[in-house]
Amino acid sequence: MNAYRDQYAQVFNNGENVVLIGISTDPAEELASWAHDESYPFLFGSDEGAKVGKLYGAYIERDSGPLDNRTAYVIDPEGTITYVAAPFRQVDPTAYEELGEAIDAVTPGSR
């Protein structure tokens, strides 16, 4: 999530016509504390029951508990998924270029 924060202005148009939500199976209280401590400029959602992860194909069952795989979706203003990176390669700089291009495609004139 630090990479998302650090590249927020460039990749996510500094939140202009873009809503970034990090969703995980962590409890809401933990996410809120973490988001505050790290000064994340975007939203978090708790998916403790893994309903969202299952619905969008990001859910992984593990012995230690459920996990929503790091997957990036770009959803256009009409609600259509226009881009999926599953899993999202957060350590690969080209992944952010691809994500930025996908965001730009649904937010014309944003950069």
N, C-alpha and C. Protein backbone atom coordinates (compact mmCIF):
# COMPACT_ATOMS: atom_id res chain seq x y z
N MET A 1 0.81 -1.19 0.00
CA MET A 1 0.00 0.00 0.00
C MET A 1 0.86 1.26 0.00
N ASN A 2 2.09 1.11 0.48
CA ASN A 2 2.97 2.28 0.47
C ASN A 2 3.25 2.75 -0.95
N ALA A 3 3.39 1.81 -1.88
CA ALA A 3 3.64 2.20 -3.26
C ALA A 3 2.44 2.96 -3.84
N TYR A 4 1.23 2.52 -3.49
CA TYR A 4 0.03 3.25 -3.93
C TYR A 4 0.05 4.67 -3.36
N ARG A 5 0.39 4.77 -2.08
CA ARG A 5 0.44 6.09 -1.43
C ARG A 5 1.50 6.96 -2.10
N ASP A 6 2.69 6.38 -2.31
CA ASP A 6 3.80 7.15 -2.85
C ASP A 6 3.59 7.58 -4.29
N GLN A 7 2.76 6.84 -5.03
CA GLN A 7 2.50 7.17 -6.43
C GLN A 7 1.09 7.70 -6.65
N TYR A 8 0.40 8.01 -5.57
CA TYR A 8 -1.00 8.42 -5.63
C TYR A 8 -1.22 9.59 -6.59
N ALA A 9 -0.40 10.62 -6.47
CA ALA A 9 -0.58 11.81 -7.32
C ALA A 9 -0.45 11.47 -8.79
N GLN A 10 0.54 10.66 -9.14
CA GLN A 10 0.78 10.36 -10.55
C GLN A 10 -0.16 9.30 -11.09
N VAL A 11 -0.22 8.15 -10.45
CA VAL A 11 -0.99 7.03 -10.99
C VAL A 11 -2.49 7.26 -10.83
N PHE A 12 -2.89 7.80 -9.68
CA PHE A 12 -4.32 7.94 -9.38
C PHE A 12 -4.80 9.37 -9.50
N ASN A 13 -4.10 10.17 -10.29
CA ASN A 13 -4.49 11.54 -10.59
C ASN A 13 -4.79 12.35 -9.34
N ASN A 14 -4.06 12.03 -8.28
CA ASN A 14 -4.23 12.72 -7.00
C ASN A 14 -5.68 12.70 -6.53
N GLY A 15 -6.40 11.66 -6.92
CA GLY A 15 -7.79 11.51 -6.51
C GLY A 15 -8.79 12.28 -7.35
N GLU A 16 -8.32 12.96 -8.38
CA GLU A 16 -9.21 13.72 -9.26
C GLU A 16 -9.95 12.76 -10.19
N ASN A 17 -11.25 12.62 -10.00
CA ASN A 17 -12.10 11.71 -10.78
C ASN A 17 -11.69 10.25 -10.63
N VAL A 18 -10.98 9.93 -9.55
CA VAL A 18 -10.55 8.56 -9.28
C VAL A 18 -10.80 8.28 -7.80
N VAL A 19 -11.39 7.12 -7.52
CA VAL A 19 -11.57 6.69 -6.14
C VAL A 19 -10.77 5.40 -5.97
N LEU A 20 -9.83 5.42 -5.06
CA LEU A 20 -9.02 4.24 -4.77
C LEU A 20 -9.47 3.68 -3.43
N ILE A 21 -9.83 2.39 -3.44
CA ILE A 21 -10.24 1.72 -2.22
C ILE A 21 -9.41 0.45 -2.07
N GLY A 22 -8.67 0.35 -0.99
CA GLY A 22 -7.93 -0.87 -0.67
C GLY A 22 -8.83 -1.75 0.18
N ILE A 23 -9.14 -2.94 -0.30
CA ILE A 23 -10.04 -3.84 0.41
C ILE A 23 -9.25 -5.06 0.85
N SER A 24 -9.39 -5.42 2.14
CA SER A 24 -8.71 -6.60 2.65
C SER A 24 -9.59 -7.31 3.66
N THR A 25 -9.18 -8.49 4.05
CA THR A 25 -9.92 -9.26 5.04
C THR A 25 -9.57 -8.85 6.47
N ASP A 26 -8.72 -7.86 6.65
CA ASP A 26 -8.37 -7.38 7.98
C ASP A 26 -9.57 -6.68 8.62
N PRO A 27 -9.68 -6.75 9.94
CA PRO A 27 -10.77 -6.06 10.65
C PRO A 27 -10.71 -4.55 10.41
N ALA A 28 -11.87 -3.92 10.40
CA ALA A 28 -11.97 -2.48 10.13
C ALA A 28 -11.12 -1.65 11.08
N GLU A 29 -11.08 -2.02 12.35
CA GLU A 29 -10.31 -1.25 13.33
C GLU A 29 -8.82 -1.27 12.99
N GLU A 30 -8.31 -2.43 12.58
CA GLU A 30 -6.89 -2.53 12.20
C GLU A 30 -6.60 -1.70 10.96
N LEU A 31 -7.49 -1.76 9.97
CA LEU A 31 -7.30 -0.98 8.75
C LEU A 31 -7.30 0.51 9.04
N ALA A 32 -8.24 0.94 9.87
CA ALA A 32 -8.33 2.37 10.20
C ALA A 32 -7.07 2.85 10.90
N SER A 33 -6.57 2.06 11.84
CA SER A 33 -5.35 2.42 12.56
C SER A 33 -4.15 2.48 11.62
N TRP A 34 -4.02 1.47 10.77
CA TRP A 34 -2.91 1.40 9.82
C TRP A 34 -2.98 2.57 8.84
N ALA A 35 -4.18 2.84 8.30
CA ALA A 35 -4.34 3.93 7.34
C ALA A 35 -3.96 5.27 7.97
N HIS A 36 -4.35 5.46 9.20
CA HIS A 36 -4.02 6.70 9.90
C HIS A 36 -2.51 6.81 10.15
N ASP A 37 -1.91 5.73 10.65
CA ASP A 37 -0.48 5.74 10.97
C ASP A 37 0.39 5.98 9.75
N GLU A 38 -0.02 5.47 8.61
CA GLU A 38 0.78 5.58 7.38
C GLU A 38 0.36 6.74 6.49
N SER A 39 -0.65 7.50 6.90
CA SER A 39 -1.13 8.67 6.15
C SER A 39 -1.54 8.33 4.71
N TYR A 40 -2.32 7.29 4.57
CA TYR A 40 -2.80 6.93 3.23
C TYR A 40 -3.88 7.91 2.79
N PRO A 41 -3.79 8.44 1.55
CA PRO A 41 -4.76 9.43 1.08
C PRO A 41 -5.97 8.80 0.39
N PHE A 42 -6.21 7.52 0.63
CA PHE A 42 -7.32 6.84 -0.02
C PHE A 42 -8.08 6.00 0.99
N LEU A 43 -9.14 5.39 0.52
CA LEU A 43 -10.05 4.66 1.40
C LEU A 43 -9.65 3.20 1.58
N PHE A 44 -10.09 2.63 2.69
CA PHE A 44 -9.93 1.20 2.95
C PHE A 44 -11.29 0.62 3.27
N GLY A 45 -11.47 -0.63 2.90
CA GLY A 45 -12.69 -1.35 3.24
C GLY A 45 -12.33 -2.70 3.81
N SER A 46 -13.05 -3.09 4.85
CA SER A 46 -12.82 -4.38 5.49
C SER A 46 -13.77 -5.41 4.90
N ASP A 47 -13.20 -6.51 4.47
CA ASP A 47 -13.95 -7.61 3.87
C ASP A 47 -13.76 -8.86 4.74
N GLU A 48 -14.07 -8.71 6.04
CA GLU A 48 -13.79 -9.79 6.98
C GLU A 48 -14.44 -11.11 6.58
N GLY A 49 -15.59 -11.10 5.99
CA GLY A 49 -16.24 -12.33 5.55
C GLY A 49 -15.82 -12.77 4.16
N ALA A 50 -14.93 -12.01 3.51
CA ALA A 50 -14.40 -12.29 2.18
C ALA A 50 -15.47 -12.31 1.09
N LYS A 51 -16.60 -11.65 1.34
CA LYS A 51 -17.67 -11.62 0.33
C LYS A 51 -17.24 -10.89 -0.93
N VAL A 52 -16.58 -9.75 -0.77
CA VAL A 52 -16.14 -8.97 -1.92
C VAL A 52 -15.06 -9.74 -2.69
N GLY A 53 -14.10 -10.29 -1.95
CA GLY A 53 -13.03 -11.07 -2.59
C GLY A 53 -13.58 -12.24 -3.39
N LYS A 54 -14.56 -12.93 -2.84
CA LYS A 54 -15.17 -14.05 -3.56
C LYS A 54 -15.92 -13.57 -4.79
N LEU A 55 -16.66 -12.49 -4.64
CA LEU A 55 -17.45 -11.95 -5.75
C LEU A 55 -16.57 -11.54 -6.93
N TYR A 56 -15.41 -10.95 -6.63
CA TYR A 56 -14.53 -10.43 -7.68
C TYR A 56 -13.35 -11.35 -8.00
N GLY A 57 -13.35 -12.55 -7.47
CA GLY A 57 -12.32 -13.52 -7.82
C GLY A 57 -10.96 -13.27 -7.21
N ALA A 58 -10.90 -12.51 -6.11
CA ALA A 58 -9.62 -12.22 -5.47
C ALA A 58 -9.41 -13.04 -4.21
N TYR A 59 -10.34 -13.88 -3.87
CA TYR A 59 -10.32 -14.63 -2.62
C TYR A 59 -9.42 -15.85 -2.71
N ILE A 60 -8.63 -16.05 -1.65
CA ILE A 60 -7.78 -17.23 -1.53
C ILE A 60 -8.02 -17.83 -0.15
N GLU A 61 -8.36 -19.10 -0.11
CA GLU A 61 -8.52 -19.79 1.17
C GLU A 61 -7.17 -20.32 1.61
N ARG A 62 -6.81 -20.06 2.87
CA ARG A 62 -5.55 -20.54 3.42
C ARG A 62 -5.82 -21.18 4.77
N ASP A 63 -4.89 -22.01 5.23
CA ASP A 63 -5.03 -22.62 6.55
C ASP A 63 -5.10 -21.57 7.65
N SER A 64 -4.37 -20.47 7.47
CA SER A 64 -4.33 -19.42 8.49
C SER A 64 -5.50 -18.45 8.38
N GLY A 65 -6.36 -18.64 7.40
CA GLY A 65 -7.51 -17.77 7.23
C GLY A 65 -7.60 -17.22 5.82
N PRO A 66 -8.72 -16.60 5.49
CA PRO A 66 -8.92 -16.11 4.12
C PRO A 66 -8.01 -14.92 3.81
N LEU A 67 -7.75 -14.76 2.55
CA LEU A 67 -6.92 -13.66 2.07
C LEU A 67 -7.50 -13.19 0.74
N ASP A 68 -7.63 -11.88 0.58
CA ASP A 68 -7.98 -11.33 -0.72
C ASP A 68 -6.66 -11.04 -1.43
N ASN A 69 -6.41 -11.74 -2.53
CA ASN A 69 -5.19 -11.59 -3.31
C ASN A 69 -5.07 -10.15 -3.79
N ARG A 70 -3.86 -9.64 -3.86
CA ARG A 70 -3.66 -8.27 -4.33
C ARG A 70 -4.03 -8.20 -5.82
N THR A 71 -5.20 -7.68 -6.06
CA THR A 71 -5.72 -7.55 -7.41
C THR A 71 -6.14 -6.11 -7.61
N ALA A 72 -5.84 -5.55 -8.77
CA ALA A 72 -6.24 -4.18 -9.07
C ALA A 72 -7.31 -4.21 -10.14
N TYR A 73 -8.39 -3.48 -9.89
CA TYR A 73 -9.49 -3.34 -10.84
C TYR A 73 -9.66 -1.88 -11.16
N VAL A 74 -9.91 -1.58 -12.41
CA VAL A 74 -10.31 -0.24 -12.80
C VAL A 74 -11.76 -0.36 -13.25
N ILE A 75 -12.60 0.45 -12.64
CA ILE A 75 -14.03 0.43 -12.94
C ILE A 75 -14.41 1.80 -13.46
N ASP A 76 -15.03 1.82 -14.63
CA ASP A 76 -15.37 3.09 -15.24
C ASP A 76 -16.58 3.74 -14.54
N PRO A 77 -16.90 4.99 -14.90
CA PRO A 77 -18.01 5.68 -14.22
C PRO A 77 -19.36 4.98 -14.35
N GLU A 78 -19.51 4.12 -15.34
CA GLU A 78 -20.77 3.39 -15.51
C GLU A 78 -20.80 2.10 -14.69
N GLY A 79 -19.69 1.77 -14.02
CA GLY A 79 -19.64 0.58 -13.19
C GLY A 79 -19.10 -0.65 -13.89
N THR A 80 -18.54 -0.50 -15.07
CA THR A 80 -17.98 -1.62 -15.82
C THR A 80 -16.50 -1.80 -15.49
N ILE A 81 -16.12 -3.04 -15.18
CA ILE A 81 -14.70 -3.33 -14.96
C ILE A 81 -14.00 -3.27 -16.30
N THR A 82 -13.02 -2.37 -16.41
CA THR A 82 -12.32 -2.18 -17.68
C THR A 82 -10.89 -2.70 -17.67
N TYR A 83 -10.40 -3.04 -16.48
CA TYR A 83 -9.02 -3.50 -16.35
C TYR A 83 -8.91 -4.35 -15.10
N VAL A 84 -8.20 -5.48 -15.23
CA VAL A 84 -7.93 -6.34 -14.08
C VAL A 84 -6.46 -6.76 -14.12
N ALA A 85 -5.78 -6.58 -13.03
CA ALA A 85 -4.41 -7.09 -12.87
C ALA A 85 -4.47 -8.08 -11.71
N ALA A 86 -4.43 -9.37 -12.05
CA ALA A 86 -4.59 -10.41 -11.02
C ALA A 86 -3.49 -11.45 -11.16
N PRO A 87 -2.56 -11.47 -10.23
CA PRO A 87 -2.40 -10.52 -9.14
C PRO A 87 -1.72 -9.25 -9.63
N PHE A 88 -1.87 -8.20 -8.86
CA PHE A 88 -1.17 -6.96 -9.18
C PHE A 88 0.28 -7.11 -8.76
N ARG A 89 1.20 -6.78 -9.67
CA ARG A 89 2.64 -6.96 -9.43
C ARG A 89 3.20 -5.69 -8.78
N GLN A 90 2.96 -5.51 -7.49
CA GLN A 90 3.28 -4.26 -6.82
C GLN A 90 4.76 -3.91 -6.79
N VAL A 91 5.66 -4.86 -7.03
CA VAL A 91 7.09 -4.55 -7.03
C VAL A 91 7.61 -4.25 -8.44
N ASP A 92 6.77 -4.36 -9.44
CA ASP A 92 7.15 -4.14 -10.83
C ASP A 92 6.71 -2.74 -11.26
N PRO A 93 7.66 -1.84 -11.55
CA PRO A 93 7.30 -0.47 -11.95
C PRO A 93 6.38 -0.41 -13.17
N THR A 94 6.52 -1.37 -14.08
CA THR A 94 5.66 -1.34 -15.27
C THR A 94 4.20 -1.61 -14.92
N ALA A 95 3.96 -2.28 -13.78
CA ALA A 95 2.58 -2.52 -13.36
C ALA A 95 1.87 -1.20 -13.08
N TYR A 96 2.59 -0.23 -12.52
CA TYR A 96 1.99 1.07 -12.22
C TYR A 96 1.78 1.87 -13.50
N GLU A 97 2.66 1.71 -14.47
CA GLU A 97 2.46 2.36 -15.77
C GLU A 97 1.20 1.82 -16.42
N GLU A 98 1.05 0.50 -16.43
CA GLU A 98 -0.15 -0.13 -17.01
C GLU A 98 -1.41 0.31 -16.29
N LEU A 99 -1.36 0.34 -14.96
CA LEU A 99 -2.51 0.76 -14.18
C LEU A 99 -2.85 2.21 -14.47
N GLY A 100 -1.84 3.07 -14.53
CA GLY A 100 -2.06 4.48 -14.86
C GLY A 100 -2.71 4.66 -16.22
N GLU A 101 -2.27 3.89 -17.19
CA GLU A 101 -2.86 3.95 -18.53
C GLU A 101 -4.32 3.50 -18.51
N ALA A 102 -4.61 2.46 -17.74
CA ALA A 102 -5.99 1.97 -17.63
C ALA A 102 -6.88 3.02 -16.97
N ILE A 103 -6.35 3.70 -15.96
CA ILE A 103 -7.11 4.76 -15.30
C ILE A 103 -7.34 5.91 -16.26
N ASP A 104 -6.29 6.30 -16.99
CA ASP A 104 -6.41 7.39 -17.95
C ASP A 104 -7.46 7.08 -19.03
N ALA A 105 -7.58 5.82 -19.40
CA ALA A 105 -8.53 5.42 -20.44
C ALA A 105 -9.98 5.67 -20.02
N VAL A 106 -10.25 5.66 -18.73
CA VAL A 106 -11.63 5.88 -18.28
C VAL A 106 -11.82 7.25 -17.65
N THR A 107 -10.75 8.05 -17.57
CA THR A 107 -10.84 9.42 -17.07
C THR A 107 -10.15 10.36 -18.06
N PRO A 108 -10.75 10.54 -19.24
CA PRO A 108 -10.11 11.36 -20.27
C PRO A 108 -9.74 12.75 -19.77
N GLY A 109 -8.57 13.19 -20.20
CA GLY A 109 -8.09 14.53 -19.86
C GLY A 109 -7.61 14.66 -18.41
N SER A 110 -7.38 13.52 -17.77
CA SER A 110 -7.01 13.58 -16.36
C SER A 110 -5.56 13.94 -16.12
N ARG A 111 -4.69 13.69 -17.09
CA ARG A 111 -3.28 14.04 -16.89
C ARG A 111 -2.81 14.98 -17.96
